[in-house]
Protein backbone atom coordinates (compact mmCIF):
# COMPACT_ATOMS: atom_id res chain seq x y z
CA UNK A 1 128.75 85.46 60.41
CA UNK A 2 130.00 89.26 60.62
CA UNK A 3 129.73 89.26 56.89
CA UNK A 4 126.36 88.69 56.82
CA UNK A 5 125.22 91.16 59.53
CA UNK A 6 127.13 93.97 57.73
CA UNK A 7 125.58 92.98 54.34
CA UNK A 8 121.96 92.85 56.15
CA UNK A 9 122.80 96.15 57.84
CA UNK A 10 123.94 97.54 54.52
CA UNK A 11 120.82 96.05 52.25
CA UNK A 12 118.58 97.90 54.95
CA UNK A 13 119.72 101.78 54.52
CA UNK A 14 120.18 100.86 50.72
CA UNK A 15 116.59 101.29 50.24
CA UNK A 16 115.75 103.76 52.98
CA UNK A 17 111.98 104.29 52.09
CA UNK A 18 111.14 100.56 52.15
CA UNK A 19 112.81 100.14 55.68
CA UNK A 20 111.27 103.13 57.22
CA UNK A 21 107.72 102.14 56.03
CA UNK A 22 108.83 98.37 57.74
CA UNK A 23 109.99 99.92 60.67
CA UNK A 24 106.86 102.06 61.11
CA UNK A 25 104.44 99.34 61.00
CA UNK A 26 106.22 97.90 63.99
CA UNK A 27 106.52 100.93 65.99
CA UNK A 28 102.60 101.62 65.28
CA UNK A 29 102.01 98.31 66.28
CA UNK A 30 103.96 98.59 69.68
CA UNK A 31 102.27 102.05 70.48
CA UNK A 32 98.82 100.87 69.61
CA UNK A 33 99.22 97.59 72.06
CA UNK A 34 100.79 99.48 75.09
CA UNK A 35 98.44 102.37 74.40
CA UNK A 36 95.45 99.59 74.84
CA UNK A 37 96.96 97.84 77.66
CA UNK A 38 98.20 100.91 79.62
CA UNK A 39 94.61 102.48 79.56
CA UNK A 40 93.26 99.41 80.48
CA UNK A 41 95.28 98.62 83.73
CA UNK A 42 95.36 102.49 84.57
CA UNK A 43 91.47 102.22 84.67
CA UNK A 44 91.89 99.07 86.99
CA UNK A 45 94.45 100.85 89.21
CA UNK A 46 92.27 103.95 89.39
CA UNK A 47 89.02 101.87 90.45
CA UNK A 48 90.84 99.89 93.19
CA UNK A 49 92.33 103.24 94.67
CA UNK A 50 89.13 104.79 94.31
CA UNK A 51 87.44 101.33 95.85
CA UNK A 52 90.11 101.24 99.06
CA UNK A 53 90.47 104.66 99.76
CA UNK A 54 86.02 104.96 99.79
CA UNK A 55 86.08 102.49 102.61
CA UNK A 56 88.52 99.78 103.47
CA UNK A 57 91.75 100.85 102.56
CA UNK A 58 94.48 98.15 101.36
CA UNK A 59 94.45 96.28 104.07
CA UNK A 60 93.33 95.73 107.67
CA UNK A 61 94.39 94.32 110.56
CA UNK A 62 91.37 92.55 112.69
CA UNK A 63 90.46 90.09 115.56
CA UNK A 64 90.27 86.84 113.56
CA UNK A 65 86.44 86.52 114.37
CA UNK A 66 85.49 89.88 112.93
CA UNK A 67 84.92 89.97 109.77
CA UNK A 68 82.65 86.88 110.04
CA UNK A 69 80.64 88.61 112.78
CA UNK A 70 81.44 92.54 112.45
CA UNK A 71 80.56 93.13 116.42
CA UNK A 72 82.31 95.28 118.70
CA UNK A 73 82.80 92.43 120.79
CA UNK A 74 85.22 91.34 118.48
CA UNK A 75 87.21 94.59 118.90
CA UNK A 76 90.95 94.58 119.81
CA UNK A 77 93.34 96.72 121.54
CA UNK A 78 96.12 97.98 119.14
CA UNK A 79 99.15 98.63 120.97
CA UNK A 80 101.63 101.58 120.11
CA UNK A 81 103.88 99.20 119.69
CA UNK A 82 102.17 97.02 117.23
CA UNK A 83 101.39 100.27 115.14
CA UNK A 84 104.67 101.44 115.18
CA UNK A 85 106.11 98.13 113.97
CA UNK A 86 103.32 98.31 110.87
CA UNK A 87 104.29 101.80 110.01
CA UNK A 88 107.73 100.79 109.81
CA UNK A 89 107.45 98.10 107.09
CA UNK A 90 108.49 98.55 103.50
CA UNK A 91 105.68 100.65 101.45
CA UNK A 92 103.41 101.25 104.34
CA UNK A 93 102.22 105.16 103.96
CA UNK A 94 99.80 105.51 106.95
CA UNK A 95 98.36 103.35 109.60
CA UNK A 96 94.99 104.39 111.23
CA UNK A 97 92.66 103.06 113.79
CA UNK A 98 89.09 102.85 113.27
CA UNK A 99 85.73 101.75 115.29
CA UNK A 100 82.59 100.53 113.60
CA UNK A 101 79.44 99.68 114.74
CA UNK A 102 75.85 100.45 114.54
CA UNK A 103 72.84 102.73 116.16
CA UNK A 104 69.58 103.81 116.08
CA UNK A 105 70.11 107.53 114.87
CA UNK A 106 67.06 109.98 115.97
CA UNK A 107 65.62 113.31 116.32
CA UNK A 108 62.49 114.16 118.41
CA UNK A 109 59.90 112.36 115.70
CA UNK A 110 61.92 110.22 113.45
CA UNK A 111 64.46 107.15 113.56
CA UNK A 112 66.55 105.28 111.16
CA UNK A 113 69.32 102.61 111.50
CA UNK A 114 72.97 104.29 110.85
CA UNK A 115 76.33 102.85 110.63
CA UNK A 116 78.71 104.80 112.71
CA UNK A 117 82.19 105.00 112.08
CA UNK A 118 84.67 106.23 114.87
CA UNK A 119 87.65 107.53 112.94
CA UNK A 120 90.95 109.63 113.83
CA UNK A 121 89.58 112.68 111.60
CA UNK A 122 93.18 113.99 109.77
CA UNK A 123 94.50 110.62 109.35
CA UNK A 124 90.68 109.33 107.94
CA UNK A 125 91.12 112.21 105.68
CA UNK A 126 94.13 111.24 103.75
CA UNK A 127 92.68 108.23 102.76
CA UNK A 128 88.91 108.90 102.10
CA UNK A 129 88.87 113.04 101.49
CA UNK A 130 85.92 112.91 103.63
CA UNK A 131 86.67 116.61 104.51
CA UNK A 132 85.95 117.33 100.52
CA UNK A 133 82.16 115.83 100.75
CA UNK A 134 81.47 118.06 103.58
CA UNK A 135 78.49 120.39 101.78
CA UNK A 136 77.64 122.50 105.15
CA UNK A 137 79.44 123.10 108.44
CA UNK A 138 83.10 121.77 109.28
CA UNK A 139 84.66 118.56 109.41
CA UNK A 140 85.44 116.84 112.25
CA UNK A 141 88.50 117.64 114.50
CA UNK A 142 90.72 115.53 116.86
CA UNK A 143 88.96 115.44 120.19
CA UNK A 144 85.71 116.81 118.67
CA UNK A 145 82.39 115.65 120.70
CA UNK A 146 80.28 116.68 118.08
CA UNK A 147 79.09 114.46 114.67
CA UNK A 148 78.81 114.87 110.87
CA UNK A 149 76.60 112.26 108.98
CA UNK A 150 75.20 111.68 105.36
CA UNK A 151 73.37 114.35 103.69
CA UNK A 152 70.46 111.55 102.73
CA UNK A 153 70.38 110.87 106.89
CA UNK A 154 69.78 114.58 107.62
CA UNK A 155 67.37 115.06 105.36
CA UNK A 156 65.53 111.83 106.62
CA UNK A 157 65.30 112.67 110.13
CA UNK A 158 64.80 116.81 109.45
CA UNK A 159 68.36 117.61 110.99
CA UNK A 160 71.06 120.66 109.83
CA UNK A 161 74.32 121.98 111.71
CA UNK A 162 73.72 122.81 115.07
CA UNK A 163 71.35 120.40 115.76
CA UNK A 164 71.25 117.81 118.21
CA UNK A 165 71.59 114.03 116.74
CA UNK A 166 70.25 111.00 119.56
CA UNK A 167 71.61 107.95 118.78
CA UNK A 168 70.90 104.72 120.88
CA UNK A 169 72.70 101.44 120.34
CA UNK A 170 74.63 98.13 122.64
CA UNK A 171 77.90 99.04 123.27
CA UNK A 172 80.79 97.13 124.06
CA UNK A 173 79.85 93.57 125.57
CA UNK A 174 76.12 94.18 126.01
CA UNK A 175 76.57 97.50 127.83
CA UNK A 176 73.61 100.27 127.10
CA UNK A 177 74.64 102.98 124.83
CA UNK A 178 73.19 106.47 124.24
CA UNK A 179 74.19 109.87 123.89
CA UNK A 180 73.56 113.17 122.29
CA UNK A 181 75.62 114.76 119.75
CA UNK A 182 75.82 118.08 118.07
CA UNK A 183 75.89 117.88 114.29
CA UNK A 184 79.26 120.08 113.10
CA UNK A 185 78.62 118.89 109.42
CA UNK A 186 76.22 117.38 106.77
CA UNK A 187 78.60 115.98 104.21
CA UNK A 188 77.16 114.46 100.36
CA UNK A 189 78.94 111.05 99.90
CA UNK A 190 78.78 109.60 96.77
CA UNK A 191 77.83 106.54 97.94
CA UNK A 192 74.04 106.18 98.45
CA UNK A 193 73.78 103.98 100.70
CA UNK A 194 76.73 105.95 102.90
CA UNK A 195 74.64 109.02 102.32
CA UNK A 196 71.64 107.70 103.75
CA UNK A 197 73.15 105.93 107.18
CA UNK A 198 76.63 107.00 107.59
CA UNK A 199 77.65 108.96 111.25
CA UNK A 200 80.83 110.01 111.54
CA UNK A 201 82.58 110.67 115.09
CA UNK A 202 85.68 110.96 116.53
CA UNK A 203 87.85 108.02 117.55
CA UNK A 204 87.90 108.68 121.28
CA UNK A 205 84.05 109.83 121.30
CA UNK A 206 82.77 106.60 119.95
CA UNK A 207 85.11 104.67 122.19
CA UNK A 208 83.31 106.51 124.99
CA UNK A 209 79.70 106.22 123.23
CA UNK A 210 80.22 102.39 123.16
CA UNK A 211 82.11 102.16 126.44
CA UNK A 212 85.01 100.06 124.20
CA UNK A 213 87.76 102.09 125.85
CA UNK A 214 90.90 101.95 124.01
CA UNK A 215 89.45 99.42 121.69
CA UNK A 216 89.17 99.55 117.47
CA UNK A 217 87.81 97.15 115.34
CA UNK A 218 90.20 97.66 112.88
CA UNK A 219 93.44 98.83 111.73
CA UNK A 220 93.49 100.16 108.13
CA UNK A 221 97.01 100.12 106.71
CA UNK A 222 97.54 102.10 103.19
CA UNK A 223 100.59 101.73 100.59
CA UNK A 224 101.30 103.60 97.62
CA UNK A 225 99.41 100.72 95.38
CA UNK A 226 97.76 97.63 94.96
CA UNK A 227 100.72 95.85 93.65
CA UNK A 228 102.93 96.32 97.13
CA UNK A 229 99.58 94.55 99.08
CA UNK A 230 101.18 90.58 99.19
CA UNK A 231 104.45 91.60 100.46
CA UNK A 232 103.40 94.01 103.04
CA UNK A 233 100.43 91.33 103.97
CA UNK A 234 103.25 88.27 104.41
CA UNK A 235 105.37 91.35 106.67
CA UNK A 236 102.65 92.51 108.87
CA UNK A 237 101.29 88.37 109.52
CA UNK A 238 104.83 87.86 111.04
CA UNK A 239 104.49 90.40 113.60
CA UNK A 240 100.65 89.62 114.89
CA UNK A 241 99.87 87.90 117.68
CA UNK A 242 97.65 84.70 117.00
CA UNK A 243 94.60 86.81 118.10
CA UNK A 244 94.62 88.91 115.12
CA UNK A 245 94.74 88.34 111.15
CA UNK A 246 95.26 90.82 108.41
CA UNK A 247 93.00 91.06 105.01
CA UNK A 248 93.63 92.65 101.82
CA UNK A 249 91.45 94.41 99.82
CA UNK A 250 90.81 91.50 97.54
CA UNK A 251 89.52 89.67 100.18
CA UNK A 252 86.97 92.22 101.63
CA UNK A 253 86.00 92.68 98.19
CA UNK A 254 86.19 90.08 96.36
CA UNK A 255 83.67 91.09 93.69
CA UNK A 256 85.37 94.32 92.63
CA UNK A 257 88.50 91.74 92.23
CA UNK A 258 86.01 89.34 90.08
CA UNK A 259 84.83 92.18 88.25
CA UNK A 260 88.42 93.58 87.19
CA UNK A 261 89.29 89.97 86.11
CA UNK A 262 86.30 89.33 83.99
CA UNK A 263 87.01 92.50 82.36
CA UNK A 264 90.59 91.99 82.00
CA UNK A 265 89.92 88.83 80.18
CA UNK A 266 87.62 90.65 77.55
CA UNK A 267 90.41 92.88 77.19
CA UNK A 268 93.20 90.12 76.55
CA UNK A 269 90.62 89.00 73.89
CA UNK A 270 90.47 92.20 71.97
CA UNK A 271 94.05 92.42 72.55
CA UNK A 272 94.37 89.11 70.58
CA UNK A 273 92.38 90.40 67.96
CA UNK A 274 94.51 93.34 68.04
CA UNK A 275 97.79 91.14 67.53
CA UNK A 276 96.03 89.68 64.51
CA UNK A 277 95.34 92.97 62.93
CA UNK A 278 98.92 93.87 63.70
CA UNK A 279 100.14 90.19 62.20
CA UNK A 280 98.30 91.01 59.12
CA UNK A 281 99.54 94.38 58.83
CA UNK A 282 103.12 93.42 59.33
CA UNK A 283 102.90 90.48 57.08
CA UNK A 284 101.48 92.82 54.25
CA UNK A 285 104.78 94.80 54.66
CA UNK A 286 107.13 91.95 54.21
CA UNK A 287 105.08 90.48 51.52
CA UNK A 288 105.29 94.13 49.53
CA UNK A 289 109.26 94.07 50.23
CA UNK A 290 109.67 90.43 49.12
CA UNK A 291 107.64 90.66 45.93
CA UNK A 292 109.67 94.32 45.29
CA UNK A 293 113.03 92.18 45.72
CA UNK A 294 112.34 89.17 43.73
CA UNK A 295 114.45 90.52 40.94
CA UNK A 296 117.19 91.31 43.35
CA UNK A 297 117.05 88.09 44.85
CA UNK A 298 117.60 85.91 41.66
CA UNK A 299 120.39 88.43 40.30
CA UNK A 300 122.50 87.86 43.61
CA UNK A 301 121.61 84.01 43.48
CA UNK A 302 122.88 83.86 39.57
CA UNK A 303 126.01 85.35 40.57
CA UNK A 304 126.80 82.74 43.10
CA UNK A 305 125.48 83.38 46.76
CA UNK A 306 123.95 80.37 48.10
CA UNK A 307 120.49 80.65 49.18
CA UNK A 308 121.03 79.83 52.73
CA UNK A 309 123.51 82.57 52.93
CA UNK A 310 120.74 85.27 51.28
CA UNK A 311 118.11 83.67 53.73
CA UNK A 312 120.12 84.20 56.68
CA UNK A 313 121.02 88.10 55.28
CA UNK A 314 117.61 88.42 55.37
CA UNK A 315 116.90 87.11 58.48
CA UNK A 316 119.23 89.43 59.95
CA UNK A 317 117.52 92.13 57.97
CA UNK A 318 113.94 91.39 59.71
CA UNK A 319 115.82 91.58 62.91
CA UNK A 320 117.30 94.61 62.84
CA UNK A 321 113.89 95.86 61.41
CA UNK A 322 111.93 94.47 64.23
CA UNK A 323 114.80 95.19 66.66
CA UNK A 324 114.88 98.89 65.40
CA UNK A 325 110.75 98.87 65.56
CA UNK A 326 110.49 97.55 68.75
CA UNK A 327 112.96 100.10 70.68
CA UNK A 328 111.35 103.16 69.11
CA UNK A 329 107.67 102.08 69.64
CA UNK A 330 108.89 101.43 73.30
CA UNK A 331 110.46 104.90 73.69
CA UNK A 332 107.35 106.77 71.51
CA UNK A 333 104.77 104.70 73.48
CA UNK A 334 106.21 105.26 76.94
CA UNK A 335 106.47 109.32 76.18
CA UNK A 336 102.95 108.89 74.58
CA UNK A 337 101.65 107.65 77.79
CA UNK A 338 103.54 109.52 80.03
CA UNK A 339 101.73 112.63 78.67
CA UNK A 340 98.30 110.66 79.26
CA UNK A 341 99.14 109.41 82.86
CA UNK A 342 99.68 113.44 83.87
CA UNK A 343 96.88 114.45 81.57
CA UNK A 344 94.21 111.56 81.94
CA UNK A 345 91.38 111.93 79.33
CA UNK A 346 88.33 113.52 80.39
CA UNK A 347 84.88 111.83 79.82
CA UNK A 348 81.85 113.39 79.38
CA UNK A 349 78.33 112.74 78.98
CA UNK A 350 76.19 109.71 80.58
CA UNK A 351 79.66 108.25 81.30
CA UNK A 352 80.91 110.79 83.12
CA UNK A 353 77.50 111.34 85.38
CA UNK A 354 77.91 107.45 85.67
CA UNK A 355 81.56 107.80 87.28
CA UNK A 356 80.51 110.51 89.15
CA UNK A 357 78.03 108.68 90.95
CA UNK A 358 80.47 105.96 92.13
CA UNK A 359 82.49 108.50 93.55
CA UNK A 360 85.22 107.99 90.93
CA UNK A 361 87.01 111.05 88.63
CA UNK A 362 85.57 111.08 85.09
CA UNK A 363 88.55 110.17 83.20
CA UNK A 364 90.51 107.42 81.67
CA UNK A 365 93.41 106.88 83.45
CA UNK A 366 96.61 105.32 82.18
CA UNK A 367 99.66 102.96 83.77
CA UNK A 368 103.20 103.18 83.69
CA UNK A 369 103.72 100.06 84.93
CA UNK A 370 107.02 98.83 83.12
CA UNK A 371 105.85 95.03 82.33
CA UNK A 372 103.03 96.66 80.13
CA UNK A 373 105.71 98.51 77.56
CA UNK A 374 108.42 95.81 77.27
CA UNK A 375 106.06 92.96 77.13
CA UNK A 376 104.19 94.18 74.18
CA UNK A 377 107.41 95.14 72.99
CA UNK A 378 108.92 91.64 73.01
CA UNK A 379 105.73 90.18 71.61
CA UNK A 380 105.74 92.52 68.67
CA UNK A 381 109.31 91.44 68.22
CA UNK A 382 108.34 87.74 68.48
CA UNK A 383 105.85 88.40 65.83
CA UNK A 384 108.00 89.92 63.31
CA UNK A 385 110.49 86.66 63.69
CA UNK A 386 107.74 84.62 62.88
CA UNK A 387 106.60 86.68 60.17
CA UNK A 388 110.10 86.38 58.59
CA UNK A 389 109.66 82.81 58.27
CA UNK A 390 108.05 83.86 55.34
CA UNK A 391 110.60 85.71 52.86
CA UNK A 392 113.31 82.66 54.00
CA UNK A 393 110.96 80.26 52.64
CA UNK A 394 110.58 82.61 49.64
CA UNK A 395 114.10 82.08 49.01
CA UNK A 396 114.48 78.50 49.46
CA UNK A 397 111.65 78.00 46.83
CA UNK A 398 113.45 80.91 44.28
CA UNK A 399 113.75 79.96 40.86
CA UNK A 400 116.33 82.15 39.34
CA UNK A 401 114.76 82.67 35.80
CA UNK A 402 111.26 83.31 37.01
CA UNK A 403 112.90 86.00 39.53
CA UNK A 404 115.26 87.80 36.92
CA UNK A 405 112.04 88.02 34.60
CA UNK A 406 109.78 89.66 37.72
């Protein structure tokens, strides 16, 4: 066996140009497949990140009845002990209280239903970056008695920074809620629905307005990325009382998950087509090598080398070419995608405008998830092993006289 391996290794470098061409075809195959998968998954990762930071967070702790009937009556008291326990779970980066409800927002002439969100300003800004969307005035501060509202809502009501917003609603357990709030800022939210209806209050101010003292409608839990959500959900579920539950972004936004899965399915089909192109390209290189070496195979067999041993040597040659090509391809593709991970490709024109309208950055993002790279390497290597059947089959069909005349 050692002799066969040595012969295979020496055969590779006896014709360097042929070997380099074969290795290059595999390197390019790994690079192309990894590039496509990295860009696809990177786009999904950014889409999920933008969506959860836009509103829901990666996970939410709620009363068991809240998601089905989102009213203040289904609020709960989030104790400091519970928040500290959740914050102590591995990979949890932030735990934030929220209070969400509705009210009739008005000035002296007009009124409009509004979505009211009580937030912890500094922590909430780490999630949604809403301070960056404030176009006039300033962002909320902790303990602030004023409000910031969407640009569309402010325009409809004819209000500006410094004016007073009137809100009337129903508070906790049917208590009447009404209040006057100074407008300290106006924001331009990329989501038009939010832009036309959203009102932000400091959490304590919102609790006072709704007479829901010490209560929250949800605890928003953030993590580094969506790959860590499942194990965090399991850990949170262990410490929650029976009256609460934890929901992931996939449960709160099933439409987004379905959109990604359907797009991923079409991406896999495209990847399958790409692998067919790769396979034909690699096969053409192997076919060239076999035809070019027909005389060599004939001479070696004529001097006494058995076809089986010759086939084994060629098989090891293919393994070496496949392994080197895949290894080099893995290194190059990772370095290639690493550059674009930190320098995403900017988009322009209508596509960029569409992305910005949905609050997404107009770039093509890339993922560095390890499995994207080694899986492509393994698949291309297996593909090269499958293609190696052809030269082995060709050797077993070898006719010395015909081969030596070629």
